[in-house]
Amino acid sequence: MKNEYLETNEAIEFLDSLASLSYFLEHTQSEPKYWKWSFIALHMTIQSAMVLALRRTDGFGPLCEQKEKKYFEQLEATGEHQRLPDYLIKFLQLYKKIKKEGKIQSAHGKPYISKGNEDQQMEFLNNVRNNYIHFTPKTWMLHVGTAPDLFLSLIEIPKYLVSQCRKFHWIDETSQQVNFDAHFKTIESTLNSLKK
């Protein structure tokens, strides 16, 4: 085996999730099963974008605030840096955090302001993703007739975060600038064609 390790980080996860979302959406028309993977990829795209936008230079931001407090108390008491906790706050907590002033890590990072019913849509997306990831024995039907509208609405969240944070612009493994507009336009074009 040539490569024994798979290397990733939050930036690679965002880029891979965005590319996967585009790929899966393009295949939903001929293979409806790809809607499942599209929902999961949309969730991952939004989550990784929120993690990137919230991550501070000390590594905290998207991590559990109680563990952050404990970390800094221990640092003050001992003077020794510990390993950062590996506990990401939950999806909907990340979403609440990007809507708070001063949380998005950028010189001019304004909080995300929902324009419609994104709060309910995010809860729905999270429930769908959780039902797939933690699937229990059952027969389940998911209505996907309105999915293109849902996806078009929610793709605005990572688009906004990309526009607010410079750290998104140099994240691929070759350190080349990524054209996120092209990715988003492809996704939006596919979704609009699926609405017809």
C-alpha atoms as a PDB file:
ATOM      1  CA  MET A   1       0.000   0.000   0.000  1.00  0.00           C
ATOM      2  CA  LYS A   2       1.466   3.315  -1.069  1.00  0.00           C
ATOM      3  CA  ASN A   3      -0.151   5.635   1.506  1.00  0.00           C
ATOM      4  CA  GLU A   4      -0.796   4.117   4.885  1.00  0.00           C
ATOM      5  CA  TYR A   5      -2.314   7.262   6.387  1.00  0.00           C
ATOM      6  CA  LEU A   6      -5.162   9.522   5.419  1.00  0.00           C
ATOM      7  CA  GLU A   7      -4.368  13.085   6.404  1.00  0.00           C
ATOM      8  CA  THR A   8      -7.092  15.658   6.886  1.00  0.00           C
ATOM      9  CA  ASN A   9      -7.902  18.842   8.757  1.00  0.00           C
ATOM     10  CA  GLU A  10     -10.857  21.198   9.038  1.00  0.00           C
ATOM     11  CA  ALA A  11      -9.927  23.028   5.825  1.00  0.00           C
ATOM     12  CA  ILE A  12      -9.573  19.848   3.761  1.00  0.00           C
ATOM     13  CA  GLU A  13     -12.853  18.588   5.231  1.00  0.00           C
ATOM     14  CA  PHE A  14     -14.617  21.734   4.047  1.00  0.00           C
ATOM     15  CA  LEU A  15     -13.215  21.519   0.543  1.00  0.00           C
ATOM     16  CA  ASP A  16     -13.899  17.762   0.257  1.00  0.00           C
ATOM     17  CA  SER A  17     -17.439  18.149   1.600  1.00  0.00           C
ATOM     18  CA  LEU A  18     -18.196  20.954  -0.844  1.00  0.00           C
ATOM     19  CA  ALA A  19     -16.876  18.907  -3.776  1.00  0.00           C
ATOM     20  CA  SER A  20     -18.787  15.827  -2.570  1.00  0.00           C
ATOM     21  CA  LEU A  21     -21.986  17.828  -2.279  1.00  0.00           C
ATOM     22  CA  SER A  22     -21.616  18.964  -5.877  1.00  0.00           C
ATOM     23  CA  TYR A  23     -20.906  15.407  -7.053  1.00  0.00           C
ATOM     24  CA  PHE A  24     -23.818  13.809  -5.182  1.00  0.00           C
ATOM     25  CA  LEU A  25     -26.313  16.467  -6.280  1.00  0.00           C
ATOM     26  CA  GLU A  26     -25.351  15.953  -9.928  1.00  0.00           C
ATOM     27  CA  HIS A  27     -26.245  12.262  -9.570  1.00  0.00           C
ATOM     28  CA  THR A  28     -29.595  12.613  -7.752  1.00  0.00           C
ATOM     29  CA  GLN A  29     -31.636  12.869 -10.952  1.00  0.00           C
ATOM     30  CA  SER A  30     -30.474   9.497 -12.288  1.00  0.00           C
ATOM     31  CA  GLU A  31     -29.973   7.853  -8.874  1.00  0.00           C
ATOM     32  CA  PRO A  32     -32.340   9.141  -6.139  1.00  0.00           C
ATOM     33  CA  LYS A  33     -30.277   7.324  -3.477  1.00  0.00           C
ATOM     34  CA  TYR A  34     -27.728  10.136  -3.869  1.00  0.00           C
ATOM     35  CA  TRP A  35     -30.113  12.439  -2.006  1.00  0.00           C
ATOM     36  CA  LYS A  36     -29.070  10.639   1.175  1.00  0.00           C
ATOM     37  CA  TRP A  37     -25.408  11.446   0.502  1.00  0.00           C
ATOM     38  CA  SER A  38     -26.319  14.977  -0.559  1.00  0.00           C
ATOM     39  CA  PHE A  39     -27.976  15.622   2.814  1.00  0.00           C
ATOM     40  CA  ILE A  40     -24.940  14.246   4.646  1.00  0.00           C
ATOM     41  CA  ALA A  41     -22.541  16.254   2.457  1.00  0.00           C
ATOM     42  CA  LEU A  42     -24.541  19.468   2.962  1.00  0.00           C
ATOM     43  CA  HIS A  43     -24.410  18.940   6.729  1.00  0.00           C
ATOM     44  CA  MET A  44     -20.653  18.330   6.566  1.00  0.00           C
ATOM     45  CA  THR A  45     -20.116  21.353   4.302  1.00  0.00           C
ATOM     46  CA  ILE A  46     -21.969  23.680   6.656  1.00  0.00           C
ATOM     47  CA  GLN A  47     -20.395  22.186   9.789  1.00  0.00           C
ATOM     48  CA  SER A  48     -16.830  22.378   8.480  1.00  0.00           C
ATOM     49  CA  ALA A  49     -17.424  25.958   7.272  1.00  0.00           C
ATOM     50  CA  MET A  50     -18.681  26.939  10.719  1.00  0.00           C
ATOM     51  CA  VAL A  51     -15.687  25.255  12.379  1.00  0.00           C
ATOM     52  CA  LEU A  52     -13.258  27.109  10.115  1.00  0.00           C
ATOM     53  CA  ALA A  53     -15.001  30.444  10.647  1.00  0.00           C
ATOM     54  CA  LEU A  54     -15.111  30.067  14.442  1.00  0.00           C
ATOM     55  CA  ARG A  55     -11.626  28.610  15.008  1.00  0.00           C
ATOM     56  CA  ARG A  56      -9.386  31.045  16.837  1.00  0.00           C
ATOM     57  CA  THR A  57      -5.590  31.057  16.641  1.00  0.00           C
ATOM     58  CA  ASP A  58      -5.468  29.231  19.994  1.00  0.00           C
ATOM     59  CA  GLY A  59      -7.536  26.398  18.476  1.00  0.00           C
ATOM     60  CA  PHE A  60     -10.667  27.159  20.447  1.00  0.00           C
ATOM     61  CA  GLY A  61     -13.889  28.669  19.146  1.00  0.00           C
ATOM     62  CA  PRO A  62     -15.752  25.635  17.845  1.00  0.00           C
ATOM     63  CA  LEU A  63     -14.693  23.505  20.813  1.00  0.00           C
ATOM     64  CA  CYS A  64     -16.617  22.935  24.038  1.00  0.00           C
ATOM     65  CA  GLU A  65     -16.553  26.144  26.106  1.00  0.00           C
ATOM     66  CA  GLN A  66     -16.508  24.303  29.455  1.00  0.00           C
ATOM     67  CA  LYS A  67     -13.441  22.370  28.361  1.00  0.00           C
ATOM     68  CA  GLU A  68     -11.881  25.615  27.123  1.00  0.00           C
ATOM     69  CA  LYS A  69     -12.405  27.197  30.539  1.00  0.00           C
ATOM     70  CA  LYS A  70     -10.895  24.163  32.260  1.00  0.00           C
ATOM     71  CA  TYR A  71      -7.941  24.210  29.842  1.00  0.00           C
ATOM     72  CA  PHE A  72      -7.078  27.826  30.622  1.00  0.00           C
ATOM     73  CA  GLU A  73      -7.575  27.344  34.373  1.00  0.00           C
ATOM     74  CA  GLN A  74      -5.105  24.457  34.253  1.00  0.00           C
ATOM     75  CA  LEU A  75      -2.692  26.487  32.111  1.00  0.00           C
ATOM     76  CA  GLU A  76      -2.801  29.331  34.620  1.00  0.00           C
ATOM     77  CA  ALA A  77      -2.308  26.964  37.550  1.00  0.00           C
ATOM     78  CA  THR A  78       0.536  24.907  36.070  1.00  0.00           C
ATOM     79  CA  GLY A  79       1.966  27.083  33.309  1.00  0.00           C
ATOM     80  CA  GLU A  80       1.917  24.025  31.049  1.00  0.00           C
ATOM     81  CA  HIS A  81       0.044  23.723  27.783  1.00  0.00           C
ATOM     82  CA  GLN A  82      -2.073  20.610  27.511  1.00  0.00           C
ATOM     83  CA  ARG A  83      -3.441  18.960  24.416  1.00  0.00           C
ATOM     84  CA  LEU A  84      -6.562  20.746  23.186  1.00  0.00           C
ATOM     85  CA  PRO A  85      -9.782  18.891  23.966  1.00  0.00           C
ATOM     86  CA  ASP A  86     -11.202  16.872  21.068  1.00  0.00           C
ATOM     87  CA  TYR A  87     -14.787  17.851  21.738  1.00  0.00           C
ATOM     88  CA  LEU A  88     -16.534  19.863  19.038  1.00  0.00           C
ATOM     89  CA  ILE A  89     -19.721  21.606  20.082  1.00  0.00           C
ATOM     90  CA  LYS A  90     -22.845  20.272  18.436  1.00  0.00           C
ATOM     91  CA  PHE A  91     -23.989  21.341  14.970  1.00  0.00           C
ATOM     92  CA  LEU A  92     -26.850  23.573  16.132  1.00  0.00           C
ATOM     93  CA  GLN A  93     -24.623  25.158  18.804  1.00  0.00           C
ATOM     94  CA  LEU A  94     -22.083  26.018  16.093  1.00  0.00           C
ATOM     95  CA  TYR A  95     -24.921  27.598  14.145  1.00  0.00           C
ATOM     96  CA  LYS A  96     -25.993  29.691  17.151  1.00  0.00           C
ATOM     97  CA  LYS A  97     -22.397  30.777  17.635  1.00  0.00           C
ATOM     98  CA  ILE A  98     -21.913  32.090  14.069  1.00  0.00           C
ATOM     99  CA  LYS A  99     -24.927  34.328  14.709  1.00  0.00           C
ATOM    100  CA  LYS A 100     -23.250  35.996  17.711  1.00  0.00           C
ATOM    101  CA  GLU A 101     -21.247  39.207  17.465  1.00  0.00           C
ATOM    102  CA  GLY A 102     -17.472  38.758  17.535  1.00  0.00           C
ATOM    103  CA  LYS A 103     -17.429  34.979  17.103  1.00  0.00           C
ATOM    104  CA  ILE A 104     -16.540  34.725  13.402  1.00  0.00           C
ATOM    105  CA  GLN A 105     -12.759  34.998  13.172  1.00  0.00           C
ATOM    106  CA  SER A 106     -12.140  37.794  10.736  1.00  0.00           C
ATOM    107  CA  ALA A 107     -11.194  41.455  10.921  1.00  0.00           C
ATOM    108  CA  HIS A 108     -14.664  42.404   9.701  1.00  0.00           C
ATOM    109  CA  GLY A 109     -16.478  39.131  10.443  1.00  0.00           C
ATOM    110  CA  LYS A 110     -20.056  40.112  11.000  1.00  0.00           C
ATOM    111  CA  PRO A 111     -22.375  37.504  12.488  1.00  0.00           C
ATOM    112  CA  TYR A 112     -24.580  35.476  10.194  1.00  0.00           C
ATOM    113  CA  ILE A 113     -28.135  36.815  10.148  1.00  0.00           C
ATOM    114  CA  SER A 114     -30.811  34.386   9.045  1.00  0.00           C
ATOM    115  CA  LYS A 115     -33.108  35.821   6.405  1.00  0.00           C
ATOM    116  CA  GLY A 116     -35.971  33.369   6.521  1.00  0.00           C
ATOM    117  CA  ASN A 117     -36.622  30.049   8.174  1.00  0.00           C
ATOM    118  CA  GLU A 118     -32.998  28.842   8.185  1.00  0.00           C
ATOM    119  CA  ASP A 119     -33.223  28.061  11.915  1.00  0.00           C
ATOM    120  CA  GLN A 120     -35.938  25.451  11.292  1.00  0.00           C
ATOM    121  CA  GLN A 121     -34.185  24.241   8.140  1.00  0.00           C
ATOM    122  CA  MET A 122     -30.943  23.702  10.068  1.00  0.00           C
ATOM    123  CA  GLU A 123     -32.819  21.657  12.676  1.00  0.00           C
ATOM    124  CA  PHE A 124     -34.411  19.611   9.891  1.00  0.00           C
ATOM    125  CA  LEU A 125     -31.049  19.042   8.171  1.00  0.00           C
ATOM    126  CA  ASN A 126     -29.465  17.994  11.458  1.00  0.00           C
ATOM    127  CA  ASN A 127     -32.307  15.548  12.157  1.00  0.00           C
ATOM    128  CA  VAL A 128     -32.075  14.024   8.662  1.00  0.00           C
ATOM    129  CA  ARG A 129     -28.300  13.644   8.968  1.00  0.00           C
ATOM    130  CA  ASN A 130     -28.622  12.094  12.438  1.00  0.00           C
ATOM    131  CA  ASN A 131     -31.284   9.670  11.223  1.00  0.00           C
ATOM    132  CA  TYR A 132     -28.948   8.487   8.468  1.00  0.00           C
ATOM    133  CA  ILE A 133     -25.780   8.353  10.563  1.00  0.00           C
ATOM    134  CA  HIS A 134     -27.501   6.640  13.506  1.00  0.00           C
ATOM    135  CA  PHE A 135     -29.915   4.601  11.408  1.00  0.00           C
ATOM    136  CA  THR A 136     -32.154   2.253  13.350  1.00  0.00           C
ATOM    137  CA  PRO A 137     -33.979  -0.718  11.822  1.00  0.00           C
ATOM    138  CA  LYS A 138     -37.045   0.781  10.116  1.00  0.00           C
ATOM    139  CA  THR A 139     -38.590   1.730   6.824  1.00  0.00           C
ATOM    140  CA  TRP A 140     -38.174   5.440   6.284  1.00  0.00           C
ATOM    141  CA  MET A 141     -39.266   7.675   3.459  1.00  0.00           C
ATOM    142  CA  LEU A 142     -37.819  11.141   3.054  1.00  0.00           C
ATOM    143  CA  HIS A 143     -39.719  13.589   0.858  1.00  0.00           C
ATOM    144  CA  VAL A 144     -37.120  15.190  -1.426  1.00  0.00           C
ATOM    145  CA  GLY A 145     -39.488  17.220  -3.618  1.00  0.00           C
ATOM    146  CA  THR A 146     -38.635  20.403  -1.707  1.00  0.00           C
ATOM    147  CA  ALA A 147     -35.000  19.464  -1.075  1.00  0.00           C
ATOM    148  CA  PRO A 148     -33.599  21.740  -3.827  1.00  0.00           C
ATOM    149  CA  ASP A 149     -35.198  24.774  -2.140  1.00  0.00           C
ATOM    150  CA  LEU A 150     -33.878  23.673   1.250  1.00  0.00           C
ATOM    151  CA  PHE A 151     -30.378  23.189  -0.145  1.00  0.00           C
ATOM    152  CA  LEU A 152     -30.452  26.537  -1.995  1.00  0.00           C
ATOM    153  CA  SER A 153     -31.386  28.270   1.232  1.00  0.00           C
ATOM    154  CA  LEU A 154     -28.808  26.541   3.427  1.00  0.00           C
ATOM    155  CA  ILE A 155     -25.881  26.759   0.978  1.00  0.00           C
ATOM    156  CA  GLU A 156     -26.028  30.491   1.712  1.00  0.00           C
ATOM    157  CA  ILE A 157     -24.499  29.820   5.158  1.00  0.00           C
ATOM    158  CA  PRO A 158     -21.119  28.506   3.946  1.00  0.00           C
ATOM    159  CA  LYS A 159     -21.185  31.058   1.115  1.00  0.00           C
ATOM    160  CA  TYR A 160     -21.529  33.832   3.688  1.00  0.00           C
ATOM    161  CA  LEU A 161     -18.764  32.421   5.890  1.00  0.00           C
ATOM    162  CA  VAL A 162     -16.409  32.129   2.919  1.00  0.00           C
ATOM    163  CA  SER A 163     -17.111  35.775   2.077  1.00  0.00           C
ATOM    164  CA  GLN A 164     -16.354  36.877   5.645  1.00  0.00           C
ATOM    165  CA  CYS A 165     -13.187  34.891   6.452  1.00  0.00           C
ATOM    166  CA  ARG A 166      -9.934  35.160   4.558  1.00  0.00           C
ATOM    167  CA  LYS A 167      -8.778  31.797   5.924  1.00  0.00           C
ATOM    168  CA  PHE A 168     -11.037  30.055   3.396  1.00  0.00           C
ATOM    169  CA  HIS A 169      -9.117  31.396   0.442  1.00  0.00           C
ATOM    170  CA  TRP A 170      -5.907  29.369   0.817  1.00  0.00           C
ATOM    171  CA  ILE A 171      -6.931  25.989   2.102  1.00  0.00           C
ATOM    172  CA  ASP A 172      -6.194  23.304  -0.437  1.00  0.00           C
ATOM    173  CA  GLU A 173      -3.227  20.973  -0.107  1.00  0.00           C
ATOM    174  CA  THR A 174      -1.225  22.758  -2.829  1.00  0.00           C
ATOM    175  CA  SER A 175      -1.699  26.172  -1.159  1.00  0.00           C
ATOM    176  CA  GLN A 176      -3.363  27.433  -4.313  1.00  0.00           C
ATOM    177  CA  GLN A 177      -6.287  29.775  -4.084  1.00  0.00           C
ATOM    178  CA  VAL A 178      -9.569  27.891  -4.351  1.00  0.00           C
ATOM    179  CA  ASN A 179     -12.341  29.328  -6.509  1.00  0.00           C
ATOM    180  CA  PHE A 180     -15.255  28.813  -4.171  1.00  0.00           C
ATOM    181  CA  ASP A 181     -17.567  30.895  -6.355  1.00  0.00           C
ATOM    182  CA  ALA A 182     -17.260  28.251  -9.077  1.00  0.00           C
ATOM    183  CA  HIS A 183     -18.117  25.470  -6.600  1.00  0.00           C
ATOM    184  CA  PHE A 184     -21.139  27.364  -5.297  1.00  0.00           C
ATOM    185  CA  LYS A 185     -22.343  28.282  -8.810  1.00  0.00           C
ATOM    186  CA  THR A 186     -22.169  24.643  -9.893  1.00  0.00           C
ATOM    187  CA  ILE A 187     -24.150  23.541  -6.839  1.00  0.00           C
ATOM    188  CA  GLU A 188     -26.761  26.283  -7.318  1.00  0.00           C
ATOM    189  CA  SER A 189     -27.090  25.514 -11.029  1.00  0.00           C
ATOM    190  CA  THR A 190     -27.630  21.811 -10.292  1.00  0.00           C
ATOM    191  CA  LEU A 191     -30.208  22.599  -7.610  1.00  0.00           C
ATOM    192  CA  ASN A 192     -32.100  24.977  -9.880  1.00  0.00           C
ATOM    193  CA  SER A 193     -32.230  22.323 -12.610  1.00  0.00           C
ATOM    194  CA  LEU A 194     -33.542  19.801 -10.066  1.00  0.00           C
ATOM    195  CA  LYS A 195     -36.441  22.142  -9.227  1.00  0.00           C
ATOM    196  CA  LYS A 196     -37.819  21.887 -12.785  1.00  0.00           C
END
